[in-house]
């Protein structure tokens, strides 16, 4: 199924129409949770307000050896912009050493450097360069409308090969048109589908919008919004599933943002797609209040 076929599916287009309306909604709170790291309540009054309330503390080493730190959306965008430009240029020039340095910085920014399995992603620099060069080419073709074929996308000889949370960040830095599909963004997409089904009176989820969630947070944050009858599966270790979800999420959000009336599309110096991804990231920190209203 390619981009045009997917977006023209009745179930998908109906969900996008619902999402366009959902982006406009405001209520206090729209979503809330207790942030265990900051030990305070976080809330937003709308999806756009979730973007406005973005918070992600990070510290990473840049390609020139300098350290970059921050916690705001602007801080992250400046840092990722530098890392992205360096990564794209080093892939084009075939500089495997610089590719590994950029990817190390991206993992540090994303809070994954402390996990040994993610550090190993940058240990084989030549394979990393090959994966990103060939995988990026294939992802660009799929995002532009070519048929999504997992046997091609995950061909180790000329495909993506890997699409875990780390690679999702790498590919976003190479291709801004694809969102970072981590456990928090995944949680929010699943929550949106659940709300859509409940409000539409559906007791099952159509396969084309059945997104996969990631693992719960390390401190017990809930990231699976499943209820009786509306059940979501996890991504597990299947990288093709995560890639499917990332690409389809990117298509859906981009299509929804084409509605000129939403506040995301009115942003001047910020990518609307990146901004709404940041909003989903903030909402998806913990779904406890959305699943157990009494927890409020």
C-alpha atoms as a PDB file:
ATOM      1  CA  UNK A   1       0.000   0.000   0.000  1.00  0.00           C
ATOM      2  CA  UNK A   2       1.427   3.383  -0.968  1.00  0.00           C
ATOM      3  CA  UNK A   3       0.775   6.844   0.491  1.00  0.00           C
ATOM      4  CA  UNK A   4      -2.151   7.736  -1.782  1.00  0.00           C
ATOM      5  CA  UNK A   5      -3.870   4.377  -1.242  1.00  0.00           C
ATOM      6  CA  UNK A   6      -3.418   4.578   2.511  1.00  0.00           C
ATOM      7  CA  UNK A   7      -4.709   8.128   2.927  1.00  0.00           C
ATOM      8  CA  UNK A   8      -7.704   7.460   0.676  1.00  0.00           C
ATOM      9  CA  UNK A   9      -8.828   4.498   2.783  1.00  0.00           C
ATOM     10  CA  UNK A  10     -12.209   5.360   4.333  1.00  0.00           C
ATOM     11  CA  UNK A  11     -11.126   4.390   7.854  1.00  0.00           C
ATOM     12  CA  UNK A  12      -7.960   6.467   7.627  1.00  0.00           C
ATOM     13  CA  UNK A  13      -9.620   9.533   6.106  1.00  0.00           C
ATOM     14  CA  UNK A  14     -12.370   9.396   8.735  1.00  0.00           C
ATOM     15  CA  UNK A  15      -9.779   9.266  11.512  1.00  0.00           C
ATOM     16  CA  UNK A  16      -7.933  12.230   9.972  1.00  0.00           C
ATOM     17  CA  UNK A  17     -11.170  14.234   9.927  1.00  0.00           C
ATOM     18  CA  UNK A  18     -11.636  13.428  13.610  1.00  0.00           C
ATOM     19  CA  UNK A  19      -8.031  14.443  14.323  1.00  0.00           C
ATOM     20  CA  UNK A  20      -8.459  17.783  12.544  1.00  0.00           C
ATOM     21  CA  UNK A  21     -11.334  18.563  14.917  1.00  0.00           C
ATOM     22  CA  UNK A  22      -9.411  17.219  17.919  1.00  0.00           C
ATOM     23  CA  UNK A  23      -6.496  19.567  17.236  1.00  0.00           C
ATOM     24  CA  UNK A  24      -8.910  22.502  17.602  1.00  0.00           C
ATOM     25  CA  UNK A  25     -10.350  21.404  20.946  1.00  0.00           C
ATOM     26  CA  UNK A  26      -9.534  23.200  24.180  1.00  0.00           C
ATOM     27  CA  UNK A  27     -10.445  22.197  27.708  1.00  0.00           C
ATOM     28  CA  UNK A  28      -8.761  22.473  31.064  1.00  0.00           C
ATOM     29  CA  UNK A  29      -7.124  20.110  31.393  1.00  0.00           C
ATOM     30  CA  UNK A  30      -6.989  18.446  27.994  1.00  0.00           C
ATOM     31  CA  UNK A  31      -4.451  16.011  29.413  1.00  0.00           C
ATOM     32  CA  UNK A  32      -2.495  15.823  32.650  1.00  0.00           C
ATOM     33  CA  UNK A  33      -0.158  13.618  34.653  1.00  0.00           C
ATOM     34  CA  UNK A  34       2.347  13.720  37.481  1.00  0.00           C
ATOM     35  CA  UNK A  35       5.884  14.102  36.157  1.00  0.00           C
ATOM     36  CA  UNK A  36       7.956  11.804  38.336  1.00  0.00           C
ATOM     37  CA  UNK A  37      11.280  13.395  37.433  1.00  0.00           C
ATOM     38  CA  UNK A  38      10.239  16.986  38.133  1.00  0.00           C
ATOM     39  CA  UNK A  39       7.872  15.905  40.937  1.00  0.00           C
ATOM     40  CA  UNK A  40       5.100  18.174  39.743  1.00  0.00           C
ATOM     41  CA  UNK A  41       1.816  18.028  37.850  1.00  0.00           C
ATOM     42  CA  UNK A  42       1.995  18.653  34.110  1.00  0.00           C
ATOM     43  CA  UNK A  43      -1.080  19.582  32.102  1.00  0.00           C
ATOM     44  CA  UNK A  44      -2.139  21.103  28.812  1.00  0.00           C
ATOM     45  CA  UNK A  45      -5.364  22.713  27.636  1.00  0.00           C
ATOM     46  CA  UNK A  46      -5.056  21.528  24.030  1.00  0.00           C
ATOM     47  CA  UNK A  47      -2.757  19.591  21.709  1.00  0.00           C
ATOM     48  CA  UNK A  48      -1.110  22.861  20.693  1.00  0.00           C
ATOM     49  CA  UNK A  49      -0.659  23.795  24.353  1.00  0.00           C
ATOM     50  CA  UNK A  50       1.157  20.476  24.861  1.00  0.00           C
ATOM     51  CA  UNK A  51       3.690  21.718  22.302  1.00  0.00           C
ATOM     52  CA  UNK A  52       3.897  25.058  24.121  1.00  0.00           C
ATOM     53  CA  UNK A  53       4.586  23.184  27.381  1.00  0.00           C
ATOM     54  CA  UNK A  54       7.332  21.022  25.868  1.00  0.00           C
ATOM     55  CA  UNK A  55      10.083  20.053  28.281  1.00  0.00           C
ATOM     56  CA  UNK A  56      12.985  17.721  27.574  1.00  0.00           C
ATOM     57  CA  UNK A  57      16.227  18.184  29.555  1.00  0.00           C
ATOM     58  CA  UNK A  58      19.252  16.976  27.608  1.00  0.00           C
ATOM     59  CA  UNK A  59      23.016  17.118  27.457  1.00  0.00           C
ATOM     60  CA  UNK A  60      24.997  15.926  24.461  1.00  0.00           C
ATOM     61  CA  UNK A  61      28.386  16.286  22.810  1.00  0.00           C
ATOM     62  CA  UNK A  62      28.299  18.023  19.435  1.00  0.00           C
ATOM     63  CA  UNK A  63      30.438  17.026  16.414  1.00  0.00           C
ATOM     64  CA  UNK A  64      32.930  19.814  17.223  1.00  0.00           C
ATOM     65  CA  UNK A  65      33.384  18.496  20.760  1.00  0.00           C
ATOM     66  CA  UNK A  66      31.331  21.198  22.486  1.00  0.00           C
ATOM     67  CA  UNK A  67      28.591  20.249  24.928  1.00  0.00           C
ATOM     68  CA  UNK A  68      25.005  21.322  24.249  1.00  0.00           C
ATOM     69  CA  UNK A  69      22.438  21.425  27.052  1.00  0.00           C
ATOM     70  CA  UNK A  70      18.881  22.657  27.392  1.00  0.00           C
ATOM     71  CA  UNK A  71      15.279  21.688  28.088  1.00  0.00           C
ATOM     72  CA  UNK A  72      13.019  23.787  25.819  1.00  0.00           C
ATOM     73  CA  UNK A  73      11.689  23.042  22.347  1.00  0.00           C
ATOM     74  CA  UNK A  74      13.929  25.767  20.907  1.00  0.00           C
ATOM     75  CA  UNK A  75      16.955  24.287  22.695  1.00  0.00           C
ATOM     76  CA  UNK A  76      16.236  20.893  21.148  1.00  0.00           C
ATOM     77  CA  UNK A  77      15.606  22.321  17.687  1.00  0.00           C
ATOM     78  CA  UNK A  78      18.882  24.258  17.649  1.00  0.00           C
ATOM     79  CA  UNK A  79      20.835  21.211  18.805  1.00  0.00           C
ATOM     80  CA  UNK A  80      19.105  18.778  16.446  1.00  0.00           C
ATOM     81  CA  UNK A  81      19.499  21.241  13.583  1.00  0.00           C
ATOM     82  CA  UNK A  82      23.280  21.244  13.984  1.00  0.00           C
ATOM     83  CA  UNK A  83      23.423  17.463  14.422  1.00  0.00           C
ATOM     84  CA  UNK A  84      21.111  16.919  11.435  1.00  0.00           C
ATOM     85  CA  UNK A  85      23.144  19.123   9.085  1.00  0.00           C
ATOM     86  CA  UNK A  86      26.375  17.440  10.110  1.00  0.00           C
ATOM     87  CA  UNK A  87      24.836  13.981   9.757  1.00  0.00           C
ATOM     88  CA  UNK A  88      23.441  14.646   6.282  1.00  0.00           C
ATOM     89  CA  UNK A  89      26.738  16.133   5.090  1.00  0.00           C
ATOM     90  CA  UNK A  90      28.805  13.279   6.526  1.00  0.00           C
ATOM     91  CA  UNK A  91      26.549  10.665   4.895  1.00  0.00           C
ATOM     92  CA  UNK A  92      26.891  12.432   1.541  1.00  0.00           C
ATOM     93  CA  UNK A  93      30.680  12.624   1.865  1.00  0.00           C
ATOM     94  CA  UNK A  94      31.006   9.063   3.172  1.00  0.00           C
ATOM     95  CA  UNK A  95      32.640  10.125   6.443  1.00  0.00           C
ATOM     96  CA  UNK A  96      31.796   7.145   8.684  1.00  0.00           C
ATOM     97  CA  UNK A  97      33.660   8.611  11.661  1.00  0.00           C
ATOM     98  CA  UNK A  98      31.601  11.809  11.603  1.00  0.00           C
ATOM     99  CA  UNK A  99      28.362   9.835  11.055  1.00  0.00           C
ATOM    100  CA  UNK A 100      29.076   7.904  14.259  1.00  0.00           C
ATOM    101  CA  UNK A 101      29.853  11.113  16.159  1.00  0.00           C
ATOM    102  CA  UNK A 102      26.586  12.721  15.025  1.00  0.00           C
ATOM    103  CA  UNK A 103      24.551   9.627  15.880  1.00  0.00           C
ATOM    104  CA  UNK A 104      26.211   9.465  19.305  1.00  0.00           C
ATOM    105  CA  UNK A 105      25.106  13.047  19.932  1.00  0.00           C
ATOM    106  CA  UNK A 106      21.570  12.235  18.791  1.00  0.00           C
ATOM    107  CA  UNK A 107      21.391   9.258  21.163  1.00  0.00           C
ATOM    108  CA  UNK A 108      22.663  11.435  24.019  1.00  0.00           C
ATOM    109  CA  UNK A 109      20.047  14.091  23.194  1.00  0.00           C
ATOM    110  CA  UNK A 110      17.370  11.394  23.162  1.00  0.00           C
ATOM    111  CA  UNK A 111      18.354   9.981  26.557  1.00  0.00           C
ATOM    112  CA  UNK A 112      19.418   6.618  25.125  1.00  0.00           C
ATOM    113  CA  UNK A 113      23.190   6.772  25.544  1.00  0.00           C
ATOM    114  CA  UNK A 114      23.043   5.091  28.943  1.00  0.00           C
ATOM    115  CA  UNK A 115      21.620   1.910  27.376  1.00  0.00           C
ATOM    116  CA  UNK A 116      24.376  -0.368  26.056  1.00  0.00           C
ATOM    117  CA  UNK A 117      22.280  -1.773  23.189  1.00  0.00           C
ATOM    118  CA  UNK A 118      21.910   1.730  21.772  1.00  0.00           C
ATOM    119  CA  UNK A 119      25.589   2.589  22.209  1.00  0.00           C
ATOM    120  CA  UNK A 120      26.381  -0.496  20.137  1.00  0.00           C
ATOM    121  CA  UNK A 121      24.469   1.044  17.222  1.00  0.00           C
ATOM    122  CA  UNK A 122      27.374   3.394  16.555  1.00  0.00           C
ATOM    123  CA  UNK A 123      30.194   0.903  17.184  1.00  0.00           C
ATOM    124  CA  UNK A 124      30.347  -0.389  13.588  1.00  0.00           C
ATOM    125  CA  UNK A 125      30.748   2.921  11.811  1.00  0.00           C
ATOM    126  CA  UNK A 126      30.918   1.565   8.277  1.00  0.00           C
ATOM    127  CA  UNK A 127      27.701  -0.450   8.658  1.00  0.00           C
ATOM    128  CA  UNK A 128      26.002   2.535  10.296  1.00  0.00           C
ATOM    129  CA  UNK A 129      26.871   4.754   7.323  1.00  0.00           C
ATOM    130  CA  UNK A 130      25.646   2.096   4.886  1.00  0.00           C
ATOM    131  CA  UNK A 131      22.376   1.585   6.792  1.00  0.00           C
ATOM    132  CA  UNK A 132      21.586   5.293   6.933  1.00  0.00           C
ATOM    133  CA  UNK A 133      22.531   5.939   3.309  1.00  0.00           C
ATOM    134  CA  UNK A 134      20.515   3.069   1.825  1.00  0.00           C
ATOM    135  CA  UNK A 135      17.721   3.157   4.410  1.00  0.00           C
ATOM    136  CA  UNK A 136      17.296   6.908   4.011  1.00  0.00           C
ATOM    137  CA  UNK A 137      16.968   6.516   0.245  1.00  0.00           C
ATOM    138  CA  UNK A 138      14.279   3.845   0.611  1.00  0.00           C
ATOM    139  CA  UNK A 139      12.372   5.783   3.277  1.00  0.00           C
ATOM    140  CA  UNK A 140      12.365   8.889   1.103  1.00  0.00           C
ATOM    141  CA  UNK A 141      10.872   6.893  -1.764  1.00  0.00           C
ATOM    142  CA  UNK A 142       8.148   5.432   0.473  1.00  0.00           C
ATOM    143  CA  UNK A 143       7.280   8.799   2.030  1.00  0.00           C
ATOM    144  CA  UNK A 144       6.994  10.250  -1.467  1.00  0.00           C
ATOM    145  CA  UNK A 145       4.489   7.613  -2.542  1.00  0.00           C
ATOM    146  CA  UNK A 146       6.252   4.379  -3.439  1.00  0.00           C
ATOM    147  CA  UNK A 147       4.604   1.177  -2.220  1.00  0.00           C
ATOM    148  CA  UNK A 148       5.630   0.187   1.307  1.00  0.00           C
ATOM    149  CA  UNK A 149       7.246  -3.228   1.043  1.00  0.00           C
ATOM    150  CA  UNK A 150       8.851  -4.491   4.230  1.00  0.00           C
ATOM    151  CA  UNK A 151      10.846  -7.124   2.305  1.00  0.00           C
ATOM    152  CA  UNK A 152      12.582  -4.287   0.448  1.00  0.00           C
ATOM    153  CA  UNK A 153      12.743  -1.866   3.339  1.00  0.00           C
ATOM    154  CA  UNK A 154      14.367  -4.420   5.633  1.00  0.00           C
ATOM    155  CA  UNK A 155      16.707  -6.049   3.128  1.00  0.00           C
ATOM    156  CA  UNK A 156      20.047  -5.899   4.991  1.00  0.00           C
ATOM    157  CA  UNK A 157      21.874  -5.511   1.680  1.00  0.00           C
ATOM    158  CA  UNK A 158      20.071  -2.359   0.580  1.00  0.00           C
ATOM    159  CA  UNK A 159      17.355  -1.517   3.067  1.00  0.00           C
ATOM    160  CA  UNK A 160      16.862   0.060   6.448  1.00  0.00           C
ATOM    161  CA  UNK A 161      17.808  -3.058   8.376  1.00  0.00           C
ATOM    162  CA  UNK A 162      17.073  -1.507  11.773  1.00  0.00           C
ATOM    163  CA  UNK A 163      14.305   0.814  12.949  1.00  0.00           C
ATOM    164  CA  UNK A 164      14.358   0.944  16.726  1.00  0.00           C
ATOM    165  CA  UNK A 165      13.955   4.053  18.875  1.00  0.00           C
ATOM    166  CA  UNK A 166      17.541   5.101  18.140  1.00  0.00           C
ATOM    167  CA  UNK A 167      17.302   4.683  14.378  1.00  0.00           C
ATOM    168  CA  UNK A 168      13.929   6.441  14.411  1.00  0.00           C
ATOM    169  CA  UNK A 169      15.781   9.523  15.701  1.00  0.00           C
ATOM    170  CA  UNK A 170      18.598   9.124  13.170  1.00  0.00           C
ATOM    171  CA  UNK A 171      16.171   8.934  10.258  1.00  0.00           C
ATOM    172  CA  UNK A 172      14.202  11.942  11.476  1.00  0.00           C
ATOM    173  CA  UNK A 173      17.424  13.957  11.453  1.00  0.00           C
ATOM    174  CA  UNK A 174      18.066  12.868   7.861  1.00  0.00           C
ATOM    175  CA  UNK A 175      14.438  13.103   6.702  1.00  0.00           C
ATOM    176  CA  UNK A 176      12.383  15.713   8.617  1.00  0.00           C
ATOM    177  CA  UNK A 177       9.206  14.388   6.957  1.00  0.00           C
ATOM    178  CA  UNK A 178       9.253  11.298   9.187  1.00  0.00           C
ATOM    179  CA  UNK A 179       8.394  11.669  12.861  1.00  0.00           C
ATOM    180  CA  UNK A 180      10.337  10.167  15.738  1.00  0.00           C
ATOM    181  CA  UNK A 181       8.146   7.209  16.698  1.00  0.00           C
ATOM    182  CA  UNK A 182       9.243   6.550  20.262  1.00  0.00           C
ATOM    183  CA  UNK A 183       7.167   5.092  23.094  1.00  0.00           C
ATOM    184  CA  UNK A 184       5.652   8.476  24.012  1.00  0.00           C
ATOM    185  CA  UNK A 185       4.554   9.435  20.491  1.00  0.00           C
ATOM    186  CA  UNK A 186       3.295   5.872  19.993  1.00  0.00           C
ATOM    187  CA  UNK A 187       1.262   6.093  23.213  1.00  0.00           C
ATOM    188  CA  UNK A 188      -0.477   9.270  22.076  1.00  0.00           C
ATOM    189  CA  UNK A 189      -1.283   7.941  18.601  1.00  0.00           C
ATOM    190  CA  UNK A 190      -2.859   4.862  20.185  1.00  0.00           C
ATOM    191  CA  UNK A 191      -4.765   7.089  22.632  1.00  0.00           C
ATOM    192  CA  UNK A 192      -6.100   9.216  19.764  1.00  0.00           C
ATOM    193  CA  UNK A 193      -7.308   6.120  17.921  1.00  0.00           C
ATOM    194  CA  UNK A 194      -8.995   4.826  21.062  1.00  0.00           C
ATOM    195  CA  UNK A 195     -10.766   8.155  21.624  1.00  0.00           C
ATOM    196  CA  UNK A 196     -11.794   8.252  17.963  1.00  0.00           C
ATOM    197  CA  UNK A 197     -13.278   4.756  18.162  1.00  0.00           C
ATOM    198  CA  UNK A 198     -15.097   5.489  21.429  1.00  0.00           C
ATOM    199  CA  UNK A 199     -16.552   8.769  20.185  1.00  0.00           C
ATOM    200  CA  UNK A 200     -17.552   7.177  16.876  1.00  0.00           C
ATOM    201  CA  UNK A 201     -19.198   4.187  18.546  1.00  0.00           C
ATOM    202  CA  UNK A 202     -16.766   1.580  17.186  1.00  0.00           C
ATOM    203  CA  UNK A 203     -15.993  -1.439  19.356  1.00  0.00           C
ATOM    204  CA  UNK A 204     -13.093  -2.641  17.195  1.00  0.00           C
ATOM    205  CA  UNK A 205     -10.070  -0.924  15.672  1.00  0.00           C
ATOM    206  CA  UNK A 206      -9.527  -1.099  11.926  1.00  0.00           C
ATOM    207  CA  UNK A 207      -6.134  -2.532  11.060  1.00  0.00           C
ATOM    208  CA  UNK A 208      -5.059   0.539   9.067  1.00  0.00           C
ATOM    209  CA  UNK A 209      -5.180   2.711  12.192  1.00  0.00           C
ATOM    210  CA  UNK A 210      -4.185   0.112  14.765  1.00  0.00           C
ATOM    211  CA  UNK A 211      -0.918   1.697  15.860  1.00  0.00           C
ATOM    212  CA  UNK A 212       1.507  -0.091  18.161  1.00  0.00           C
ATOM    213  CA  UNK A 213       2.578   1.203  21.542  1.00  0.00           C
ATOM    214  CA  UNK A 214       6.008   0.976  23.136  1.00  0.00           C
ATOM    215  CA  UNK A 215       6.939  -0.197  26.633  1.00  0.00           C
ATOM    216  CA  UNK A 216       5.692   1.579  29.740  1.00  0.00           C
ATOM    217  CA  UNK A 217       7.977   4.214  31.257  1.00  0.00           C
ATOM    218  CA  UNK A 218      10.870   3.228  33.505  1.00  0.00           C
ATOM    219  CA  UNK A 219       9.036   4.652  36.536  1.00  0.00           C
ATOM    220  CA  UNK A 220       5.757   2.922  35.768  1.00  0.00           C
ATOM    221  CA  UNK A 221       4.252   5.496  33.389  1.00  0.00           C
ATOM    222  CA  UNK A 222       1.378   3.931  31.431  1.00  0.00           C
ATOM    223  CA  UNK A 223       1.797   3.986  27.648  1.00  0.00           C
ATOM    224  CA  UNK A 224      -0.762   1.431  26.562  1.00  0.00           C
ATOM    225  CA  UNK A 225      -4.285   2.950  26.317  1.00  0.00           C
ATOM    226  CA  UNK A 226      -6.025  -0.376  25.630  1.00  0.00           C
ATOM    227  CA  UNK A 227      -9.493  -0.972  27.012  1.00  0.00           C
ATOM    228  CA  UNK A 228     -11.852  -3.914  26.750  1.00  0.00           C
ATOM    229  CA  UNK A 229     -12.567  -4.400  23.063  1.00  0.00           C
ATOM    230  CA  UNK A 230     -10.135  -1.696  21.932  1.00  0.00           C
ATOM    231  CA  UNK A 231      -6.824  -3.459  22.270  1.00  0.00           C
ATOM    232  CA  UNK A 232      -3.425  -2.306  21.025  1.00  0.00           C
ATOM    233  CA  UNK A 233      -0.365  -4.498  20.640  1.00  0.00           C
ATOM    234  CA  UNK A 234       3.179  -3.437  21.416  1.00  0.00           C
ATOM    235  CA  UNK A 235       5.905  -2.886  18.837  1.00  0.00           C
ATOM    236  CA  UNK A 236       8.020  -5.563  20.492  1.00  0.00           C
ATOM    237  CA  UNK A 237      11.292  -6.260  18.700  1.00  0.00           C
ATOM    238  CA  UNK A 238       9.772  -6.091  15.211  1.00  0.00           C
ATOM    239  CA  UNK A 239      11.437  -3.101  13.559  1.00  0.00           C
ATOM    240  CA  UNK A 240       9.206  -3.385  10.477  1.00  0.00           C
ATOM    241  CA  UNK A 241       6.158  -2.726  12.677  1.00  0.00           C
ATOM    242  CA  UNK A 242       7.752   0.404  14.152  1.00  0.00           C
ATOM    243  CA  UNK A 243       8.658   1.612  10.643  1.00  0.00           C
ATOM    244  CA  UNK A 244       5.079   1.044   9.444  1.00  0.00           C
ATOM    245  CA  UNK A 245       3.772   3.050  12.382  1.00  0.00           C
ATOM    246  CA  UNK A 246       6.286   5.875  11.947  1.00  0.00           C
ATOM    247  CA  UNK A 247       5.529   6.279   8.249  1.00  0.00           C
ATOM    248  CA  UNK A 248       1.760   6.105   8.669  1.00  0.00           C
ATOM    249  CA  UNK A 249       1.848   8.501  11.627  1.00  0.00           C
ATOM    250  CA  UNK A 250       3.862  10.938   9.507  1.00  0.00           C
ATOM    251  CA  UNK A 251       1.348  10.714   6.652  1.00  0.00           C
ATOM    252  CA  UNK A 252      -1.647  11.181   8.953  1.00  0.00           C
ATOM    253  CA  UNK A 253      -0.222  14.125  10.883  1.00  0.00           C
ATOM    254  CA  UNK A 254       0.952  15.859   7.722  1.00  0.00           C
ATOM    255  CA  UNK A 255      -2.480  15.450   6.140  1.00  0.00           C
ATOM    256  CA  UNK A 256      -4.247  16.754   9.261  1.00  0.00           C
ATOM    257  CA  UNK A 257      -1.937  19.764   9.396  1.00  0.00           C
ATOM    258  CA  UNK A 258      -2.879  20.776   5.868  1.00  0.00           C
ATOM    259  CA  UNK A 259      -6.037  22.207   7.413  1.00  0.00           C
ATOM    260  CA  UNK A 260      -5.093  25.897   7.456  1.00  0.00           C
ATOM    261  CA  UNK A 261      -7.222  26.694  10.513  1.00  0.00           C
ATOM    262  CA  UNK A 262      -5.032  24.937  13.081  1.00  0.00           C
ATOM    263  CA  UNK A 263      -2.405  26.809  15.100  1.00  0.00           C
ATOM    264  CA  UNK A 264       0.390  24.441  14.114  1.00  0.00           C
ATOM    265  CA  UNK A 265       0.123  25.384  10.455  1.00  0.00           C
ATOM    266  CA  UNK A 266       0.408  29.052  11.404  1.00  0.00           C
ATOM    267  CA  UNK A 267       3.886  28.581  12.894  1.00  0.00           C
ATOM    268  CA  UNK A 268       6.449  30.640  10.996  1.00  0.00           C
ATOM    269  CA  UNK A 269       9.901  29.406  11.957  1.00  0.00           C
ATOM    270  CA  UNK A 270       9.031  25.931  13.216  1.00  0.00           C
ATOM    271  CA  UNK A 271       8.050  22.836  11.249  1.00  0.00           C
ATOM    272  CA  UNK A 272       4.367  22.128  12.027  1.00  0.00           C
ATOM    273  CA  UNK A 273       5.061  18.387  11.786  1.00  0.00           C
ATOM    274  CA  UNK A 274       7.923  18.591  14.276  1.00  0.00           C
ATOM    275  CA  UNK A 275       5.811  20.784  16.581  1.00  0.00           C
ATOM    276  CA  UNK A 276       2.857  18.396  16.678  1.00  0.00           C
ATOM    277  CA  UNK A 277       5.239  15.470  17.172  1.00  0.00           C
ATOM    278  CA  UNK A 278       6.589  17.354  20.211  1.00  0.00           C
ATOM    279  CA  UNK A 279       3.011  17.766  21.461  1.00  0.00           C
ATOM    280  CA  UNK A 280       2.364  14.036  21.109  1.00  0.00           C
ATOM    281  CA  UNK A 281       5.650  13.358  22.890  1.00  0.00           C
ATOM    282  CA  UNK A 282       4.557  15.443  25.875  1.00  0.00           C
ATOM    283  CA  UNK A 283       1.062  13.946  26.073  1.00  0.00           C
ATOM    284  CA  UNK A 284       2.426  10.402  25.844  1.00  0.00           C
ATOM    285  CA  UNK A 285       4.626  10.629  28.931  1.00  0.00           C
ATOM    286  CA  UNK A 286       1.861   8.997  30.985  1.00  0.00           C
ATOM    287  CA  UNK A 287      -1.683   7.973  30.026  1.00  0.00           C
ATOM    288  CA  UNK A 288      -2.785   7.033  33.559  1.00  0.00           C
ATOM    289  CA  UNK A 289      -5.302   9.856  33.864  1.00  0.00           C
ATOM    290  CA  UNK A 290      -6.724   9.096  30.416  1.00  0.00           C
ATOM    291  CA  UNK A 291      -7.287   5.450  31.353  1.00  0.00           C
ATOM    292  CA  UNK A 292      -8.111   5.782  35.054  1.00  0.00           C
ATOM    293  CA  UNK A 293      -9.990   9.091  35.454  1.00  0.00           C
ATOM    294  CA  UNK A 294     -10.148   8.627  39.230  1.00  0.00           C
ATOM    295  CA  UNK A 295      -6.343   8.930  39.259  1.00  0.00           C
ATOM    296  CA  UNK A 296      -6.803  12.677  38.744  1.00  0.00           C
END
